[in-house]
Amino acid sequence: MMGRHGLGDTMGGASGDSNIYEERIIRDSGICGGEPVFKGTRVTLRTVLASLAAGDSAQEILADFPSLKAEDVQAAIAFAAASAEEDLPLPATPQIR
């Protein structure tokens, strides 16, 4: 099934698909100062997430960064979803009187 951004909807749940981004995003202190980058490139995760946040489509990102693959953009989205799942505070538990 295709997701809103035209990248197949394979993120059934962010926590179940962590290997989507773990296989594509790496950290190496010798590449871009240790910032997360896409394997085999010098394109940072931050750059792709910022492009997505600015409204760029996956196709625009791939055109701007020819070393990336569609799977890399999907991995960035999966990473962001997993990060949000971990970082968002739980809603307050209502007090029962």
Protein backbone atom coordinates (compact mmCIF):
# COMPACT_ATOMS: atom_id res chain seq x y z
CA MET A 1 0.00 0.00 0.00
CA MET A 2 1.33 3.44 -0.84
CA GLY A 3 1.70 6.01 1.92
CA ARG A 4 0.90 9.71 1.60
CA HIS A 5 4.39 10.53 0.36
CA GLY A 6 4.44 7.83 -2.31
CA LEU A 7 6.93 5.70 -0.40
CA GLY A 8 5.31 2.34 0.31
CA ASP A 9 3.55 2.13 3.64
CA THR A 10 5.81 -0.42 5.34
CA MET A 11 5.83 1.22 8.75
CA GLY A 12 3.05 -0.85 10.27
CA GLY A 13 4.33 0.35 13.63
CA ALA A 14 7.51 2.27 14.15
CA SER A 15 8.84 -0.04 16.84
CA GLY A 16 8.34 -3.15 14.71
CA ASP A 17 10.29 -1.76 11.76
CA SER A 18 13.40 -0.38 13.43
CA ASN A 19 15.61 -2.33 11.03
CA ILE A 20 14.29 -0.14 8.19
CA TYR A 21 16.49 2.69 9.41
CA GLU A 22 19.14 0.70 11.26
CA GLU A 23 20.25 -0.82 7.95
CA ARG A 24 20.35 2.53 6.11
CA ILE A 25 21.51 5.09 8.71
CA ILE A 26 24.97 4.88 10.25
CA ARG A 27 27.24 6.90 12.53
CA ASP A 28 30.96 7.02 11.93
CA SER A 29 33.17 9.53 13.71
CA GLY A 30 35.18 9.90 10.49
CA ILE A 31 32.15 10.94 8.41
CA CYS A 32 30.43 14.30 8.92
CA GLY A 33 31.72 14.59 12.48
CA GLY A 34 29.80 11.51 13.61
CA GLU A 35 26.38 12.83 12.61
CA PRO A 36 24.00 10.13 11.38
CA VAL A 37 24.35 9.71 7.60
CA PHE A 38 22.90 7.36 5.03
CA LYS A 39 25.13 4.38 4.37
CA GLY A 40 27.52 4.97 1.47
CA THR A 41 26.84 8.73 1.38
CA ARG A 42 27.74 11.93 3.18
CA VAL A 43 24.11 13.04 3.29
CA THR A 44 23.02 13.56 6.88
CA LEU A 45 19.79 12.38 8.40
CA ARG A 46 19.24 15.93 9.64
CA THR A 47 19.37 17.25 6.06
CA VAL A 48 16.72 14.81 4.82
CA LEU A 49 14.45 15.40 7.83
CA ALA A 50 14.77 19.17 7.39
CA SER A 51 13.88 18.83 3.71
CA LEU A 52 10.81 16.76 4.57
CA ALA A 53 9.81 19.27 7.25
CA ALA A 54 10.14 22.08 4.70
CA GLY A 55 7.64 20.27 2.48
CA ASP A 56 9.98 18.71 -0.06
CA SER A 57 8.67 15.51 -1.62
CA ALA A 58 10.69 12.30 -1.64
CA GLN A 59 11.19 12.77 -5.38
CA GLU A 60 12.60 16.29 -4.83
CA ILE A 61 14.99 15.01 -2.16
CA LEU A 62 16.15 12.17 -4.41
CA ALA A 63 16.72 14.66 -7.25
CA ASP A 64 18.71 16.97 -4.94
CA PHE A 65 20.80 14.10 -3.51
CA PRO A 66 21.38 11.53 -6.28
CA SER A 67 23.40 9.27 -3.95
CA LEU A 68 20.22 8.57 -1.94
CA LYS A 69 17.66 5.88 -2.67
CA ALA A 70 13.93 5.93 -1.95
CA GLU A 71 14.65 3.52 0.92
CA ASP A 72 16.83 6.19 2.54
CA VAL A 73 13.99 8.70 2.62
CA GLN A 74 11.70 6.00 4.01
CA ALA A 75 14.35 5.20 6.64
CA ALA A 76 14.46 8.87 7.68
CA ILE A 77 10.69 8.85 8.18
CA ALA A 78 10.86 5.57 10.11
CA PHE A 79 13.63 6.99 12.31
CA ALA A 80 11.61 10.12 13.06
CA ALA A 81 8.52 8.05 13.87
CA ALA A 82 10.48 5.79 16.22
CA SER A 83 12.14 8.80 17.86
CA ALA A 84 8.79 10.50 18.41
CA GLU A 85 7.38 7.31 19.88
CA GLU A 86 10.23 7.21 22.40
CA ASP A 87 10.41 10.94 23.17
CA LEU A 88 6.79 12.04 23.43
CA PRO A 89 5.60 12.25 27.03
CA LEU A 90 2.73 10.04 28.05
CA PRO A 91 -0.52 11.86 28.71
CA ALA A 92 -1.25 12.50 32.37
CA THR A 93 -3.25 9.79 34.04
CA PRO A 94 -6.59 11.19 35.21
CA GLN A 95 -7.11 11.12 38.93
CA ILE A 96 -10.07 9.05 40.05
CA ARG A 97 -11.88 10.43 43.08
